[in-house]
Amino acid sequence: MRIHVVAFGQLRSLIKQELSFQDLKDTDDLKEKLEETFPGLSKLNYVMAVNKEIIRGKTSLSDESIVALLPPYSGG
């Protein structure tokens, strides 16, 4: 199973390329792996979107899921 990760905004300056990970079952596993790989990420606020849907909390991942890391945003 392959998961694709892309970062936007200020997160893109930390994660400079698109990433792929194998064998992660949910977003909690992914977040742990990302913060282990990019320690500065744990100090930033961000939300995740899985297959174009912003998520809240732990979400299952499937083969070829696309996860976007999004900086904080506000309406307006």
Protein backbone atom coordinates (compact mmCIF):
# COMPACT_ATOMS: atom_id res chain seq x y z
CA MET A 1 0.00 0.00 0.00
CA ARG A 2 1.40 3.38 -1.00
CA ILE A 3 0.38 6.73 0.51
CA HIS A 4 1.27 10.01 -1.22
CA VAL A 5 1.88 13.20 0.78
CA VAL A 6 2.03 16.76 -0.51
CA ALA A 7 2.59 19.89 1.60
CA PHE A 8 1.34 23.43 1.00
CA GLY A 9 2.17 26.93 2.28
CA GLN A 10 4.80 27.23 5.00
CA LEU A 11 4.86 23.43 5.33
CA ARG A 12 6.23 23.22 1.79
CA SER A 13 9.41 25.03 2.91
CA LEU A 14 10.02 22.23 5.42
CA ILE A 15 8.94 19.34 3.19
CA LYS A 16 10.40 20.31 -0.14
CA GLN A 17 9.10 17.42 -2.25
CA GLU A 18 6.15 15.12 -2.55
CA LEU A 19 6.58 12.01 -0.41
CA SER A 20 5.42 8.42 -0.60
CA PHE A 21 5.15 6.02 2.31
CA GLN A 22 4.43 2.30 2.44
CA ASP A 23 2.35 0.31 4.91
CA LEU A 24 0.78 3.04 7.03
CA LYS A 25 -2.74 2.15 8.14
CA ASP A 26 -4.04 5.51 9.36
CA THR A 27 -3.32 9.22 9.72
CA ASP A 28 -1.97 8.79 13.26
CA ASP A 29 0.74 6.47 11.88
CA LEU A 30 1.43 8.95 9.08
CA LYS A 31 1.71 11.92 11.45
CA GLU A 32 4.13 9.99 13.66
CA LYS A 33 6.27 9.04 10.64
CA LEU A 34 6.25 12.62 9.27
CA GLU A 35 7.24 14.17 12.60
CA GLU A 36 9.99 11.59 13.00
CA THR A 37 11.32 12.39 9.51
CA PHE A 38 10.81 16.18 9.80
CA PRO A 39 11.16 17.09 13.52
CA GLY A 40 10.28 20.76 12.91
CA LEU A 41 6.83 19.69 11.76
CA SER A 42 5.76 18.87 15.31
CA LYS A 43 6.11 22.57 16.23
CA LEU A 44 3.79 23.75 13.46
CA ASN A 45 0.01 23.83 13.32
CA TYR A 46 -1.48 22.11 10.30
CA VAL A 47 -4.46 20.07 9.20
CA MET A 48 -4.60 17.03 6.97
CA ALA A 49 -6.85 16.34 4.04
CA VAL A 50 -7.24 12.78 2.77
CA ASN A 51 -8.35 12.52 -0.85
CA LYS A 52 -9.48 16.17 -0.82
CA GLU A 53 -11.51 15.89 2.42
CA ILE A 54 -10.28 17.73 5.51
CA ILE A 55 -10.21 15.29 8.39
CA ARG A 56 -10.59 15.62 12.13
CA GLY A 57 -8.86 12.89 14.12
CA LYS A 58 -7.68 9.45 13.14
CA THR A 59 -8.67 8.36 9.61
CA SER A 60 -7.95 5.10 7.81
CA LEU A 61 -5.74 5.22 4.72
CA SER A 62 -6.02 3.02 1.67
CA ASP A 63 -3.73 2.24 -1.25
CA GLU A 64 -2.94 5.35 -3.31
CA SER A 65 -4.48 7.73 -0.76
CA ILE A 66 -3.34 11.32 -1.26
CA VAL A 67 -2.76 13.26 1.95
CA ALA A 68 -2.35 17.03 1.84
CA LEU A 69 -0.73 18.91 4.71
CA LEU A 70 -2.37 22.32 4.94
CA PRO A 71 -1.30 25.35 6.99
CA PRO A 72 -3.79 27.07 9.29
CA TYR A 73 -6.39 29.10 7.45
CA SER A 74 -9.23 31.43 8.26
CA GLY A 75 -12.40 32.34 6.46
CA GLY A 76 -13.02 35.64 4.84
